[in-house]
Structures are given as C-alpha cells and as structure tokens.
N, C-alpha and C. Protein backbone atom coordinates (compact mmCIF):
# COMPACT_ATOMS: atom_id res chain seq x y z
N MET A 1 52.78 49.41 0.78
CA MET A 1 53.81 49.45 -0.24
C MET A 1 53.55 50.65 -1.15
N SER A 2 54.60 51.30 -1.57
CA SER A 2 54.52 52.47 -2.44
C SER A 2 54.16 52.06 -3.86
N VAL A 3 53.66 53.04 -4.60
CA VAL A 3 53.36 52.81 -6.01
C VAL A 3 53.99 53.92 -6.85
N TYR A 4 54.23 53.61 -8.10
CA TYR A 4 54.67 54.58 -9.09
C TYR A 4 53.51 54.77 -10.05
N ARG A 5 53.19 56.02 -10.34
CA ARG A 5 52.12 56.34 -11.29
C ARG A 5 52.75 57.04 -12.48
N PHE A 6 52.63 56.40 -13.64
CA PHE A 6 53.14 56.97 -14.88
C PHE A 6 51.95 57.60 -15.60
N LYS A 7 52.03 58.91 -15.83
CA LYS A 7 50.92 59.65 -16.43
C LYS A 7 51.25 60.04 -17.87
N SER A 8 50.19 60.14 -18.67
CA SER A 8 50.33 60.56 -20.06
C SER A 8 49.09 61.32 -20.47
N ARG A 9 49.28 62.32 -21.30
CA ARG A 9 48.12 63.04 -21.84
C ARG A 9 47.39 62.20 -22.87
N ASP A 10 48.10 61.25 -23.48
CA ASP A 10 47.53 60.47 -24.58
C ASP A 10 46.94 59.13 -24.16
N THR A 11 47.31 58.62 -22.99
CA THR A 11 46.80 57.32 -22.53
C THR A 11 46.39 57.43 -21.07
N GLY A 12 45.82 56.37 -20.56
CA GLY A 12 45.48 56.34 -19.14
C GLY A 12 46.73 56.18 -18.29
N ASP A 13 46.58 56.42 -17.00
CA ASP A 13 47.70 56.24 -16.08
C ASP A 13 48.10 54.77 -16.00
N LEU A 14 49.37 54.55 -15.78
CA LEU A 14 49.90 53.21 -15.54
C LEU A 14 50.43 53.21 -14.12
N VAL A 15 49.91 52.33 -13.29
CA VAL A 15 50.30 52.26 -11.88
C VAL A 15 51.07 50.96 -11.66
N MET A 16 52.24 51.08 -11.03
CA MET A 16 53.07 49.92 -10.72
C MET A 16 53.46 49.95 -9.25
N LEU A 17 53.58 48.77 -8.67
CA LEU A 17 54.12 48.68 -7.32
C LEU A 17 55.58 49.12 -7.34
N GLN A 18 56.06 49.55 -6.19
CA GLN A 18 57.38 50.17 -6.07
C GLN A 18 58.51 49.38 -6.70
N PRO A 19 58.65 48.08 -6.46
CA PRO A 19 59.82 47.40 -7.04
C PRO A 19 59.83 47.43 -8.57
N HIS A 20 58.66 47.28 -9.17
CA HIS A 20 58.57 47.23 -10.63
C HIS A 20 58.73 48.63 -11.24
N GLY A 21 58.09 49.61 -10.65
CA GLY A 21 58.22 50.98 -11.14
C GLY A 21 59.65 51.48 -11.04
N LYS A 22 60.30 51.17 -9.93
CA LYS A 22 61.70 51.57 -9.74
C LYS A 22 62.59 50.92 -10.78
N ARG A 23 62.35 49.66 -11.06
CA ARG A 23 63.15 48.93 -12.06
C ARG A 23 62.98 49.54 -13.45
N VAL A 24 61.74 49.88 -13.82
CA VAL A 24 61.49 50.51 -15.11
C VAL A 24 62.29 51.81 -15.22
N LEU A 25 62.25 52.62 -14.18
CA LEU A 25 62.99 53.88 -14.20
C LEU A 25 64.49 53.66 -14.31
N GLU A 26 65.01 52.65 -13.62
CA GLU A 26 66.43 52.34 -13.72
C GLU A 26 66.80 51.92 -15.13
N ILE A 27 65.96 51.10 -15.76
CA ILE A 27 66.23 50.62 -17.11
C ILE A 27 66.30 51.77 -18.10
N ILE A 28 65.42 52.75 -17.95
CA ILE A 28 65.40 53.85 -18.91
C ILE A 28 66.33 55.00 -18.51
N GLY A 29 67.10 54.78 -17.44
CA GLY A 29 68.12 55.76 -17.05
C GLY A 29 67.59 56.95 -16.28
N LYS A 30 66.47 56.78 -15.60
CA LYS A 30 65.89 57.87 -14.82
C LYS A 30 66.08 57.60 -13.34
N ASP A 31 66.24 58.66 -12.57
CA ASP A 31 66.34 58.57 -11.13
C ASP A 31 64.96 58.22 -10.57
N PRO A 32 64.86 57.21 -9.70
CA PRO A 32 63.55 56.86 -9.14
C PRO A 32 63.09 57.85 -8.07
N ALA A 33 63.13 59.12 -8.39
CA ALA A 33 62.70 60.19 -7.48
C ALA A 33 61.17 60.25 -7.43
N PRO A 34 60.63 60.94 -6.44
CA PRO A 34 59.18 61.02 -6.32
C PRO A 34 58.49 61.62 -7.54
N GLN A 35 59.16 62.49 -8.25
CA GLN A 35 58.53 63.10 -9.42
C GLN A 35 59.57 63.25 -10.52
N GLY A 36 59.19 62.93 -11.71
CA GLY A 36 60.10 63.03 -12.84
C GLY A 36 59.32 63.10 -14.14
N ILE A 37 60.05 63.14 -15.22
CA ILE A 37 59.40 63.27 -16.52
C ILE A 37 60.22 62.54 -17.57
N VAL A 38 59.52 61.93 -18.51
CA VAL A 38 60.14 61.37 -19.70
C VAL A 38 59.58 62.18 -20.86
N LEU A 39 60.44 62.91 -21.52
CA LEU A 39 60.02 63.78 -22.61
C LEU A 39 59.74 62.97 -23.88
N PRO A 40 58.87 63.48 -24.75
CA PRO A 40 58.56 62.74 -25.98
C PRO A 40 59.79 62.33 -26.78
N GLN A 41 60.79 63.20 -26.85
CA GLN A 41 61.99 62.86 -27.62
C GLN A 41 62.83 61.78 -26.94
N GLN A 42 62.58 61.51 -25.66
CA GLN A 42 63.30 60.46 -24.93
C GLN A 42 62.60 59.10 -25.04
N MET A 43 61.37 59.10 -25.52
CA MET A 43 60.58 57.87 -25.55
C MET A 43 61.18 56.77 -26.42
N PRO A 44 61.66 57.05 -27.65
CA PRO A 44 62.22 55.95 -28.45
C PRO A 44 63.36 55.22 -27.73
N ALA A 45 64.26 55.95 -27.11
CA ALA A 45 65.37 55.32 -26.39
C ALA A 45 64.86 54.56 -25.17
N ALA A 46 63.86 55.10 -24.48
CA ALA A 46 63.29 54.43 -23.31
C ALA A 46 62.63 53.12 -23.72
N VAL A 47 61.86 53.15 -24.79
CA VAL A 47 61.20 51.93 -25.28
C VAL A 47 62.24 50.89 -25.67
N GLN A 48 63.28 51.31 -26.37
CA GLN A 48 64.33 50.37 -26.77
C GLN A 48 65.04 49.78 -25.55
N ALA A 49 65.31 50.58 -24.55
CA ALA A 49 65.94 50.08 -23.32
C ALA A 49 65.07 49.04 -22.64
N LEU A 50 63.76 49.27 -22.61
CA LEU A 50 62.84 48.31 -22.01
C LEU A 50 62.80 47.01 -22.82
N ARG A 51 62.79 47.14 -24.14
CA ARG A 51 62.81 45.94 -24.99
C ARG A 51 64.09 45.14 -24.78
N ASP A 52 65.23 45.83 -24.73
CA ASP A 52 66.51 45.16 -24.52
C ASP A 52 66.53 44.44 -23.17
N ALA A 53 66.00 45.09 -22.14
CA ALA A 53 65.96 44.47 -20.81
C ALA A 53 65.07 43.23 -20.82
N ALA A 54 63.96 43.30 -21.53
CA ALA A 54 63.06 42.14 -21.60
C ALA A 54 63.75 40.97 -22.29
N VAL A 55 64.48 41.24 -23.36
CA VAL A 55 65.21 40.19 -24.07
C VAL A 55 66.26 39.58 -23.16
N GLN A 56 66.99 40.41 -22.42
CA GLN A 56 68.02 39.91 -21.50
C GLN A 56 67.42 39.02 -20.41
N GLU A 57 66.27 39.43 -19.88
CA GLU A 57 65.66 38.66 -18.80
C GLU A 57 65.09 37.34 -19.31
N GLU A 58 64.70 37.29 -20.59
CA GLU A 58 64.18 36.05 -21.16
C GLU A 58 65.28 35.08 -21.53
N ALA A 59 66.51 35.59 -21.70
CA ALA A 59 67.63 34.73 -22.12
C ALA A 59 68.12 33.85 -21.00
C-alpha cells in the first residue's frame, strides 16, 4: 500500500497510508499528486478545512 509523507522544516515528518493521506489532501483542496506543497499562508485555511471535516464526520 502507498503512503503519503507530509514534510515540514519545523516538525517531524507525518506519514499516512494512502486512503487517509489522499482524504486529507482532498479536504484541504489539494490534488493528491505524487508531490505537492502547502505554503505557510495556506495553512490557516487548511487547518480550518480539516477541523470542519472532523466536525462533519462526528455529527
């Protein structure tokens, strides 16, 4: 099974199995391509999208 590796200069890598990593990218509006980037200025919106998705899934 494939994995997604999310890298950061400020934290350690976050590794997710393919279904979960792909879902995270879809939630934050990114193409689940082999390589991509989330810029610092995009992080607040990405975090909010993930929070909103978590609330929806808990409802």
